[in-house]
Amino acid sequence: MTGGVQLLAVGAATPSWRLPATEVGAAWGRAGGRGQAAVCAPDEDTLTLAAEAAGRALAASGLQTDIVDGLWWGTTRPPFAEGPSHAVLARAVGLSHRSGGALASGSPHAGVEALLAAADAVGAGTAQVALVVVSDAIVPGLGTPFEARAGAGAAALVLVSHGGGASLGPRVTRTHPYLDRYRGDGEAVTRDLYDGRLFREEVFLPTMRELGEQLGALDVDRWSLPDPDGRLGATLARQLGAGTPASAAVYETVGDTGAAAALLGALGALDAAGTIGLVGWGGGRATGITITAREPVRGAVLVADAIAGGRTVTYAEALRARGQLVSSGETVPMGVPPQSAQFVRGADEMLGLLGARCVDCGTINTPPSIHPHCISCGSAKFVLEPLARHGRVHTFVVNETMPAPFVAPLPLAVIDLDDGARVMLQVTESAAALELGGEVELVMRRYAHERGVPVYGYKARTVGTEAR
């Protein structure tokens, strides 16, 4: 049992696109197919989803980011295969450069590993406030049965030593050195199960029954259960006498979200008092843990809205976004390499969305690195501060011709932020969603992926769009 670990707030995020199972089946000459899978748009990935979910959890908590002691992030696909994935996310979320934590990856079990590592830190007293984020965006093999269910999403939890509305309870872990879904070195896609029947009868169900029965002795009210093939989740629920698991609706709406599945399936059920049993699996491991809510957890009531919505896309659009359908020809390289001094020195202001407020006249100058003097009074005395994340469209333009990797038409908008700053940003939707004076919010997005390096910044998203 993890003593003294409270859950204060939660948040969730899913990408902008939805791929119907029927669309995938039709492409391969297969009839039928149920549900849909959430798919990342070209400017979304595991980090942008994680940043959005974390922002919502922190907003629901009411805490300032500077008191968060660490970030624990679980994902099978960190944006840098070897690089500053954890540091980039921590800075994007607004955490202090002194914050700790860890990055767990390597299998879908990484989400539960991040949760338990953060809980252990809080339980041991080495952290008072811990931010847990789990996110994934699975790229399945073409033509595999898993392809229609491979989704994307993120969940975030704020753990505290006291003051939360829910408590983390006992945990149970079982290991089995079986080879389930996996991705080899240098491979872009996740391979599906080789022998589904063997996996079902001799690995998955026996392991899950043993684990579930132990958790079930704790009077679990709702469950978040793994569902590797769209049927095993319901089978396991029947064997445990669990009824319809809380995770079933999430799988139906956004598909299998890998490392995020266990937590994402449980968060919505925390909007009422009760005990949730969540089970994560992958990489030869399965772990269950209980969360007992004494009252509705902050942010839980908003989880359903974060999962709903999204624009229906074609199979071809999804393949292009995942990088599985690539046009011929060379892309135009960025004028400034991602590893350059300009990126290194400007990383804080780009990821933290900082502006330079003039001490003498109060004007906010953006971006700070290219304004050594105030644009209003000429002063050189500044104070760096985070910019507002909400504003209104001052004006916009649509570029009809853009070099790769950008895709035309590309809307650009000048935004007047609530704090008085003015910025020019790309827009996540088409120009049809824009209007002068319209409300927008700023969201983290991936601008490019060059020389093996993802480059992140902020874009404007119109308020009230279905994109989540």
Protein backbone atom coordinates (compact mmCIF):
# COMPACT_ATOMS: atom_id res chain seq x y z
CA MET A 1 0.00 0.00 0.00
CA THR A 2 1.16 3.53 -0.77
CA GLY A 3 0.59 5.43 2.45
CA GLY A 4 -0.26 9.11 2.55
CA VAL A 5 -0.68 9.57 -1.21
CA GLN A 6 -3.68 11.66 -2.24
CA LEU A 7 -5.08 12.42 -5.67
CA LEU A 8 -5.94 16.11 -5.97
CA ALA A 9 -6.86 16.65 -9.63
CA VAL A 10 -6.91 15.02 -13.05
CA GLY A 11 -6.94 16.05 -16.70
CA ALA A 12 -7.18 14.36 -20.09
CA ALA A 13 -6.51 15.12 -23.74
CA THR A 14 -7.09 13.40 -27.05
CA PRO A 15 -5.92 14.41 -30.52
CA SER A 16 -7.88 16.26 -33.17
CA TRP A 17 -8.68 13.42 -35.58
CA ARG A 18 -10.89 10.32 -35.49
CA LEU A 19 -10.41 7.39 -37.86
CA PRO A 20 -13.48 5.12 -38.19
CA ALA A 21 -12.83 1.37 -38.11
CA THR A 22 -14.97 1.00 -41.22
CA GLU A 23 -12.58 3.29 -43.12
CA VAL A 24 -9.64 1.04 -42.29
CA GLY A 25 -11.57 -2.12 -43.14
CA ALA A 26 -12.69 -0.76 -46.49
CA ALA A 27 -9.09 0.07 -47.45
CA TRP A 28 -8.15 -3.60 -47.01
CA GLY A 29 -11.34 -5.10 -48.42
CA ARG A 30 -12.71 -6.09 -45.03
CA ALA A 31 -16.33 -5.46 -44.13
CA GLY A 32 -17.57 -4.27 -40.76
CA GLY A 33 -15.58 -2.84 -37.92
CA ARG A 34 -16.82 -1.00 -34.84
CA GLY A 35 -15.85 2.22 -33.18
CA GLN A 36 -13.07 4.58 -34.08
CA ALA A 37 -9.54 5.48 -33.10
CA ALA A 38 -8.10 8.85 -32.18
CA VAL A 39 -5.24 9.84 -34.49
CA CYS A 40 -2.72 12.64 -34.09
CA ALA A 41 -2.81 15.40 -36.67
CA PRO A 42 0.58 16.18 -38.29
CA ASP A 43 1.42 18.74 -35.58
CA GLU A 44 0.44 16.53 -32.62
CA ASP A 45 2.36 13.80 -30.83
CA THR A 46 2.85 12.24 -27.41
CA LEU A 47 4.40 15.43 -26.03
CA THR A 48 1.71 17.84 -27.21
CA LEU A 49 -0.99 15.54 -25.84
CA ALA A 50 0.89 15.24 -22.55
CA ALA A 51 1.27 19.02 -22.27
CA GLU A 52 -2.46 19.59 -22.81
CA ALA A 53 -3.54 16.94 -20.30
CA ALA A 54 -1.03 18.25 -17.75
CA GLY A 55 -2.25 21.81 -18.21
CA ARG A 56 -5.83 20.75 -17.54
CA ALA A 57 -4.90 18.78 -14.42
CA LEU A 58 -2.86 21.66 -13.03
CA ALA A 59 -5.64 24.14 -13.79
CA ALA A 60 -8.15 21.91 -11.98
CA SER A 61 -5.81 21.58 -8.98
CA GLY A 62 -5.58 25.32 -8.45
CA LEU A 63 -1.86 24.98 -7.67
CA GLN A 64 0.95 27.13 -9.01
CA THR A 65 3.39 25.22 -11.19
CA ASP A 66 6.41 26.39 -9.23
CA ILE A 67 5.46 24.20 -6.25
CA VAL A 68 5.36 20.98 -8.30
CA ASP A 69 8.32 18.90 -7.16
CA GLY A 70 8.57 16.64 -10.19
CA LEU A 71 7.14 15.27 -13.41
CA TRP A 72 6.71 11.53 -13.91
CA TRP A 73 5.91 10.79 -17.57
CA GLY A 74 5.01 7.40 -19.04
CA THR A 75 4.89 6.74 -22.78
CA THR A 76 5.98 4.02 -25.18
CA ARG A 77 7.06 6.66 -27.69
CA PRO A 78 8.97 9.64 -26.26
CA PRO A 79 9.48 12.25 -28.98
CA PHE A 80 13.27 11.98 -28.74
CA ALA A 81 14.49 8.39 -29.02
CA GLU A 82 17.45 9.62 -27.00
CA GLY A 83 17.28 13.22 -25.91
CA PRO A 84 15.59 15.83 -23.70
CA SER A 85 12.01 14.50 -23.88
CA HIS A 86 11.37 14.89 -20.15
CA ALA A 87 13.03 18.32 -19.93
CA VAL A 88 11.09 19.69 -22.91
CA LEU A 89 7.75 18.59 -21.47
CA ALA A 90 8.59 19.90 -18.00
CA ARG A 91 9.45 23.32 -19.40
CA ALA A 92 6.39 23.35 -21.67
CA VAL A 93 4.16 22.67 -18.66
CA GLY A 94 5.86 25.49 -16.76
CA LEU A 95 7.72 23.51 -14.10
CA SER A 96 10.80 24.86 -12.40
CA HIS A 97 14.23 23.90 -13.70
CA ARG A 98 14.76 22.38 -10.25
CA SER A 99 11.89 19.90 -10.65
CA GLY A 100 12.68 16.19 -10.59
CA GLY A 101 10.83 13.08 -11.72
CA ALA A 102 11.47 10.46 -14.36
CA LEU A 103 10.56 9.24 -17.84
CA ALA A 104 9.23 5.68 -18.13
CA SER A 105 9.03 4.08 -21.57
CA GLY A 106 9.54 0.83 -23.42
CA SER A 107 6.06 -0.71 -23.19
CA PRO A 108 2.40 0.15 -22.53
CA HIS A 109 3.11 -0.66 -18.89
CA ALA A 110 5.06 2.61 -18.73
CA GLY A 111 1.95 4.57 -17.73
CA VAL A 112 1.41 2.57 -14.56
CA GLU A 113 5.15 2.64 -13.86
CA ALA A 114 5.11 6.45 -13.93
CA LEU A 115 2.12 6.54 -11.58
CA LEU A 116 3.69 4.17 -9.06
CA ALA A 117 7.08 5.91 -9.16
CA ALA A 118 5.44 9.26 -8.41
CA ALA A 119 3.32 7.70 -5.64
CA ASP A 120 6.44 6.20 -4.08
CA ALA A 121 8.14 9.61 -4.13
CA VAL A 122 5.20 11.26 -2.40
CA GLY A 123 4.83 8.37 0.04
CA ALA A 124 8.52 8.55 0.92
CA GLY A 125 8.38 12.30 1.46
CA THR A 126 10.83 13.18 -1.32
CA ALA A 127 8.02 15.01 -3.14
CA GLN A 128 5.02 16.90 -1.78
CA VAL A 129 3.38 17.56 -5.16
CA ALA A 130 3.93 15.21 -8.10
CA LEU A 131 2.61 15.57 -11.64
CA VAL A 132 1.97 12.26 -13.41
CA VAL A 133 1.40 12.32 -17.16
CA VAL A 134 0.84 9.31 -19.42
CA SER A 135 0.47 9.68 -23.16
CA ASP A 136 0.77 7.59 -26.28
CA ALA A 137 0.19 7.71 -30.03
CA ILE A 138 0.52 4.19 -31.40
CA VAL A 139 1.59 3.62 -35.00
CA PRO A 140 0.32 0.15 -36.00
CA GLY A 141 1.52 -2.10 -38.78
CA LEU A 142 -0.31 -1.63 -42.07
CA GLY A 143 -3.08 -4.16 -42.64
CA THR A 144 -2.88 -5.66 -39.15
CA PRO A 145 -6.05 -6.29 -37.11
CA PHE A 146 -4.72 -3.81 -34.55
CA GLU A 147 -4.68 -0.97 -37.08
CA ALA A 148 -8.36 -0.02 -36.67
CA ARG A 149 -7.99 0.23 -32.88
CA ALA A 150 -4.58 1.90 -32.46
CA GLY A 151 -5.39 5.23 -30.84
CA ALA A 152 -3.81 8.16 -29.04
CA GLY A 153 -4.50 10.09 -25.86
CA ALA A 154 -3.14 11.40 -22.58
CA ALA A 155 -4.08 11.46 -18.90
CA ALA A 156 -2.61 13.53 -16.09
CA LEU A 157 -2.89 13.33 -12.30
CA VAL A 158 -1.71 15.65 -9.54
CA LEU A 159 -0.61 13.66 -6.49
CA VAL A 160 -0.14 15.34 -3.11
CA SER A 161 0.82 14.27 0.37
CA HIS A 162 -2.42 15.67 1.83
CA GLY A 163 -5.54 17.53 0.80
CA GLY A 164 -6.76 15.41 -2.11
CA GLY A 165 -10.23 13.99 -2.59
CA ALA A 166 -9.02 10.45 -3.34
CA SER A 167 -6.38 8.03 -2.09
CA LEU A 168 -4.15 5.53 -3.86
CA GLY A 169 -4.54 2.05 -2.42
CA PRO A 170 -2.84 -1.33 -2.69
CA ARG A 171 -1.10 -2.51 -5.83
CA VAL A 172 -0.66 -5.97 -7.32
CA THR A 173 1.91 -6.87 -10.01
CA ARG A 174 2.43 -10.04 -12.03
CA THR A 175 5.09 -10.73 -14.65
CA HIS A 176 5.21 -13.21 -17.49
CA PRO A 177 8.07 -13.22 -20.05
CA TYR A 178 5.78 -13.42 -23.06
CA LEU A 179 6.19 -11.44 -26.26
CA ASP A 180 3.06 -9.40 -26.87
CA ARG A 181 3.00 -6.27 -29.00
CA TYR A 182 6.47 -4.95 -29.57
CA ARG A 183 8.60 -2.64 -31.69
CA GLY A 184 12.17 -3.49 -32.56
CA ASP A 185 15.13 -1.10 -32.82
CA GLY A 186 14.76 1.17 -35.80
CA GLU A 187 11.16 0.12 -36.43
CA ALA A 188 8.45 2.76 -36.73
CA VAL A 189 5.42 0.53 -36.28
CA THR A 190 4.20 -1.61 -33.41
CA ARG A 191 3.79 -5.27 -34.34
CA ASP A 192 0.58 -7.08 -33.46
CA LEU A 193 0.25 -10.33 -31.53
CA TYR A 194 1.61 -13.36 -33.36
CA ASP A 195 -0.74 -16.00 -31.96
CA GLY A 196 -3.88 -14.36 -30.59
CA ARG A 197 -5.44 -17.55 -29.24
CA LEU A 198 -2.31 -18.62 -27.37
CA PHE A 199 -2.01 -15.15 -25.88
CA ARG A 200 -5.67 -15.16 -24.82
CA GLU A 201 -5.86 -18.60 -23.23
CA GLU A 202 -2.42 -19.09 -21.70
CA VAL A 203 -1.19 -15.59 -20.96
CA PHE A 204 -3.68 -12.75 -20.78
CA LEU A 205 -6.77 -14.22 -19.16
CA PRO A 206 -4.99 -16.34 -16.50
CA THR A 207 -2.75 -13.44 -15.48
CA MET A 208 -5.57 -10.92 -15.42
CA ARG A 209 -7.92 -13.20 -13.50
CA GLU A 210 -5.37 -13.71 -10.75
CA LEU A 211 -4.61 -10.02 -10.54
CA GLY A 212 -8.25 -8.95 -10.79
CA GLU A 213 -9.43 -11.36 -8.12
CA GLN A 214 -6.94 -9.92 -5.65
CA LEU A 215 -8.03 -6.36 -6.40
CA GLY A 216 -11.70 -7.43 -6.36
CA ALA A 217 -11.37 -8.41 -2.71
CA LEU A 218 -11.11 -4.67 -1.99
CA ASP A 219 -14.74 -3.97 -2.99
CA VAL A 220 -14.00 -2.29 -6.31
CA ASP A 221 -16.99 -0.35 -7.69
CA ARG A 222 -15.72 0.41 -11.21
CA TRP A 223 -12.94 -1.02 -13.36
CA SER A 224 -10.53 0.15 -16.03
CA LEU A 225 -9.41 -3.03 -17.79
CA PRO A 226 -7.08 -3.66 -20.75
CA ASP A 227 -8.70 -4.69 -24.03
CA PRO A 228 -6.01 -5.82 -26.49
CA ASP A 229 -8.30 -6.95 -29.31
CA GLY A 230 -11.68 -5.34 -28.72
CA ARG A 231 -13.15 -8.45 -27.08
CA LEU A 232 -10.86 -9.48 -24.23
CA GLY A 233 -11.84 -6.54 -22.07
CA ALA A 234 -15.48 -7.63 -21.99
CA THR A 235 -14.48 -11.27 -21.46
CA LEU A 236 -12.29 -10.36 -18.50
CA ALA A 237 -15.02 -8.15 -17.04
CA ARG A 238 -17.51 -11.04 -17.14
CA GLN A 239 -15.06 -13.38 -15.44
CA LEU A 240 -14.47 -10.83 -12.70
CA GLY A 241 -18.17 -10.03 -12.36
CA ALA A 242 -17.27 -6.41 -13.05
CA GLY A 243 -20.17 -5.45 -15.32
CA THR A 244 -19.32 -2.96 -18.04
CA PRO A 245 -15.91 -1.46 -17.25
CA ALA A 246 -15.53 2.32 -17.16
CA SER A 247 -12.80 1.92 -19.77
CA ALA A 248 -15.14 0.41 -22.38
CA ALA A 249 -16.49 3.78 -23.54
CA VAL A 250 -12.96 5.16 -23.84
CA TYR A 251 -11.82 2.27 -26.03
CA GLU A 252 -14.93 2.72 -28.18
CA THR A 253 -14.31 6.45 -28.62
CA VAL A 254 -10.53 6.77 -28.99
CA GLY A 255 -9.23 3.20 -29.36
CA ASP A 256 -6.34 1.56 -27.54
CA THR A 257 -4.16 4.37 -26.20
CA GLY A 258 -1.29 2.15 -25.10
CA ALA A 259 0.49 3.47 -22.02
CA ALA A 260 -2.37 5.93 -21.39
CA ALA A 261 -5.18 3.33 -21.56
CA ALA A 262 -5.35 2.29 -17.89
CA LEU A 263 -5.43 5.81 -16.47
CA LEU A 264 -7.51 7.35 -19.25
CA GLY A 265 -10.10 4.63 -18.76
CA ALA A 266 -10.34 5.36 -15.04
CA LEU A 267 -10.32 9.16 -14.83
CA GLY A 268 -13.92 9.75 -15.85
CA ALA A 269 -15.17 7.39 -13.13
CA LEU A 270 -13.56 9.61 -10.49
CA ASP A 271 -16.40 12.15 -10.82
CA ALA A 272 -18.21 10.38 -7.95
CA ALA A 273 -17.26 8.68 -4.71
CA GLY A 274 -16.22 5.04 -4.97
CA THR A 275 -13.28 2.71 -5.56
CA ILE A 276 -11.75 2.33 -9.01
CA GLY A 277 -9.61 -0.67 -9.90
CA LEU A 278 -7.30 0.10 -12.81
CA VAL A 279 -5.10 -2.45 -14.55
CA GLY A 280 -2.20 -1.70 -16.87
CA TRP A 281 -0.34 -4.26 -18.93
CA GLY A 282 2.37 -4.64 -21.55
CA GLY A 283 5.95 -5.76 -21.93
CA GLY A 284 5.35 -8.94 -19.97
CA ARG A 285 3.95 -7.12 -16.95
CA ALA A 286 0.52 -6.43 -15.50
CA THR A 287 -0.17 -4.17 -12.53
CA GLY A 288 -3.39 -3.26 -10.79
CA ILE A 289 -3.95 -0.47 -8.30
CA THR A 290 -7.01 0.94 -6.57
CA ILE A 291 -8.02 4.58 -6.23
CA THR A 292 -10.69 5.37 -3.66
CA ALA A 293 -12.51 8.66 -4.16
CA ARG A 294 -14.18 10.10 -1.07
CA GLU A 295 -15.68 12.87 -3.21
CA PRO A 296 -15.57 13.87 -6.87
CA VAL A 297 -11.96 14.50 -7.91
CA ARG A 298 -11.25 17.91 -9.39
CA GLY A 299 -11.23 17.84 -13.18
CA ALA A 300 -12.85 14.40 -13.49
CA VAL A 301 -16.16 15.81 -14.70
CA LEU A 302 -14.35 17.37 -17.69
CA VAL A 303 -12.74 14.13 -18.88
CA ALA A 304 -15.73 13.11 -21.01
CA ASP A 305 -15.52 16.39 -22.94
CA ALA A 306 -11.81 15.88 -23.55
CA ILE A 307 -12.44 12.44 -25.03
CA ALA A 308 -15.46 13.38 -27.15
CA GLY A 309 -15.35 15.23 -30.44
CA GLY A 310 -12.68 15.24 -33.11
CA ARG A 311 -12.83 15.50 -36.89
CA THR A 312 -13.47 12.33 -38.90
CA VAL A 313 -10.61 11.72 -41.34
CA THR A 314 -9.89 9.33 -44.18
CA TYR A 315 -7.48 6.43 -44.05
CA ALA A 316 -5.09 8.28 -46.37
CA GLU A 317 -5.05 11.35 -44.11
CA ALA A 318 -4.23 9.17 -41.10
CA LEU A 319 -1.40 7.42 -42.95
CA ARG A 320 0.13 10.73 -44.01
CA ALA A 321 -0.05 12.06 -40.46
CA ARG A 322 1.60 8.91 -39.08
CA GLY A 323 4.36 9.11 -41.66
CA GLN A 324 3.32 5.84 -43.31
CA LEU A 325 2.37 7.54 -46.58
CA VAL A 326 5.09 9.93 -47.69
CA SER A 327 5.26 12.06 -50.83
CA SER A 328 8.38 12.02 -52.98
CA GLY A 329 10.71 14.97 -53.19
CA GLU A 330 12.88 16.94 -50.80
CA THR A 331 11.58 19.15 -48.02
CA VAL A 332 12.90 22.66 -47.58
CA PRO A 333 15.23 22.69 -44.54
CA MET A 334 14.74 25.15 -41.73
CA GLY A 335 16.93 28.23 -41.92
CA VAL A 336 18.05 27.65 -38.35
CA PRO A 337 19.02 24.08 -37.33
CA PRO A 338 17.21 22.75 -34.22
CA GLN A 339 20.55 22.27 -32.44
CA SER A 340 21.69 25.86 -33.08
CA ALA A 341 22.55 28.50 -30.48
CA GLN A 342 19.36 30.39 -31.30
CA PHE A 343 17.20 27.40 -30.36
CA VAL A 344 19.23 26.66 -27.24
CA ARG A 345 19.05 30.23 -25.99
CA GLY A 346 15.42 30.65 -26.93
CA ALA A 347 14.18 27.31 -25.57
CA ASP A 348 12.78 28.76 -22.35
CA GLU A 349 10.79 31.49 -24.04
CA MET A 350 9.46 29.17 -26.78
CA LEU A 351 8.43 26.28 -24.54
CA GLY A 352 7.39 28.39 -21.54
CA LEU A 353 5.66 30.96 -23.79
CA LEU A 354 7.39 33.92 -22.16
CA GLY A 355 7.15 37.61 -22.89
CA ALA A 356 9.30 40.52 -21.76
CA ARG A 357 7.30 43.14 -19.85
CA CYS A 358 8.88 46.58 -19.94
CA VAL A 359 9.57 47.86 -16.42
CA ASP A 360 9.08 51.48 -17.49
CA CYS A 361 5.88 51.38 -19.58
CA GLY A 362 4.42 47.90 -19.07
CA THR A 363 4.41 46.86 -22.74
CA ILE A 364 4.88 43.12 -23.27
CA ASN A 365 7.46 42.43 -25.97
CA THR A 366 7.35 39.13 -27.88
CA PRO A 367 9.47 37.23 -28.51
CA PRO A 368 11.91 38.52 -25.91
CA SER A 369 15.09 37.32 -27.63
CA ILE A 370 14.64 39.57 -30.67
CA HIS A 371 13.60 42.70 -28.76
CA PRO A 372 16.60 44.09 -26.85
CA HIS A 373 14.65 47.36 -26.46
CA CYS A 374 10.98 47.98 -25.75
CA ILE A 375 8.94 48.47 -28.90
CA SER A 376 6.95 51.24 -27.20
CA CYS A 377 9.42 53.33 -25.18
CA GLY A 378 12.87 52.03 -26.07
CA SER A 379 13.74 50.95 -22.54
CA ALA A 380 16.06 48.00 -22.01
CA LYS A 381 14.68 47.04 -18.59
CA PHE A 382 12.50 43.92 -18.79
CA VAL A 383 10.90 41.29 -16.58
CA LEU A 384 10.20 37.89 -18.15
CA GLU A 385 6.74 36.47 -17.42
CA PRO A 386 4.44 33.80 -18.88
CA LEU A 387 2.02 35.04 -21.52
CA ALA A 388 -1.73 34.57 -21.33
CA ARG A 389 -2.97 31.44 -23.09
CA HIS A 390 -6.20 33.05 -24.33
CA GLY A 391 -6.97 35.95 -26.63
CA ARG A 392 -8.83 37.22 -29.69
CA VAL A 393 -8.01 37.37 -33.39
CA HIS A 394 -6.79 40.80 -34.45
CA THR A 395 -6.29 39.82 -38.07
CA PHE A 396 -5.33 36.77 -40.10
CA VAL A 397 -4.04 35.68 -43.49
CA VAL A 398 -4.03 32.37 -45.37
CA ASN A 399 -0.87 31.30 -47.20
CA GLU A 400 -1.91 29.28 -50.24
CA THR A 401 1.60 28.18 -51.19
CA MET A 402 3.92 26.64 -48.64
CA PRO A 403 7.04 24.46 -49.00
CA ALA A 404 7.12 21.02 -47.39
CA PRO A 405 6.90 20.04 -44.58
CA PHE A 406 4.22 22.73 -44.22
CA VAL A 407 0.86 22.08 -45.87
CA ALA A 408 -1.08 24.75 -47.74
CA PRO A 409 -3.43 26.46 -47.17
CA LEU A 410 -1.79 27.58 -43.91
CA PRO A 411 -3.66 30.13 -41.74
CA LEU A 412 -1.62 32.61 -39.72
CA ALA A 413 -3.29 34.87 -37.16
CA VAL A 414 -2.25 37.93 -35.18
CA ILE A 415 -3.61 37.39 -31.66
CA ASP A 416 -4.26 40.00 -28.98
CA LEU A 417 -3.79 38.08 -25.74
CA ASP A 418 -5.73 38.83 -22.57
CA ASP A 419 -2.65 40.33 -20.90
CA GLY A 420 -2.12 42.87 -23.69
CA ALA A 421 0.62 41.02 -25.58
CA ARG A 422 0.34 40.54 -29.34
CA VAL A 423 1.65 37.42 -31.09
CA MET A 424 1.50 35.95 -34.58
CA LEU A 425 0.93 32.20 -34.71
CA GLN A 426 -0.14 29.39 -36.98
CA VAL A 427 -3.71 28.19 -36.53
CA THR A 428 -4.62 24.55 -35.92
CA GLU A 429 -7.85 24.64 -37.98
CA SER A 430 -8.71 25.82 -41.45
CA ALA A 431 -9.38 29.48 -42.18
CA ALA A 432 -13.12 28.77 -42.15
CA ALA A 433 -12.97 28.58 -38.35
CA LEU A 434 -11.44 32.06 -38.02
CA GLU A 435 -13.16 35.39 -37.65
CA LEU A 436 -11.99 38.82 -36.55
CA GLY A 437 -12.46 39.15 -32.82
CA GLY A 438 -12.98 35.42 -32.41
CA GLU A 439 -11.75 33.70 -29.26
CA VAL A 440 -8.66 31.49 -29.43
CA GLU A 441 -6.54 29.54 -26.98
CA LEU A 442 -2.84 28.79 -27.32
CA VAL A 443 -1.83 25.12 -27.42
CA MET A 444 1.50 23.32 -27.69
CA ARG A 445 2.10 21.79 -31.12
CA ARG A 446 4.95 20.24 -33.12
CA TYR A 447 6.05 22.61 -35.87
CA ALA A 448 8.60 20.43 -37.62
CA HIS A 449 10.67 17.28 -37.39
CA GLU A 450 14.06 17.89 -38.91
CA ARG A 451 17.48 16.23 -38.63
CA GLY A 452 15.76 13.73 -36.33
CA VAL A 453 14.71 16.49 -33.92
CA PRO A 454 11.10 17.50 -33.16
CA VAL A 455 10.62 21.26 -32.87
CA TYR A 456 7.79 22.54 -30.65
CA GLY A 457 5.98 25.84 -30.29
CA TYR A 458 2.50 27.25 -29.82
CA LYS A 459 -0.41 27.56 -32.21
CA ALA A 460 -3.80 29.21 -31.91
CA ARG A 461 -6.92 27.05 -31.65
CA THR A 462 -10.35 28.57 -31.92
CA VAL A 463 -12.41 28.18 -28.76
CA GLY A 464 -15.39 25.90 -29.16
CA THR A 465 -13.92 23.67 -31.90
CA GLU A 466 -14.37 19.93 -31.59
CA ALA A 467 -10.61 19.34 -31.55
CA ARG A 468 -9.57 18.24 -28.09
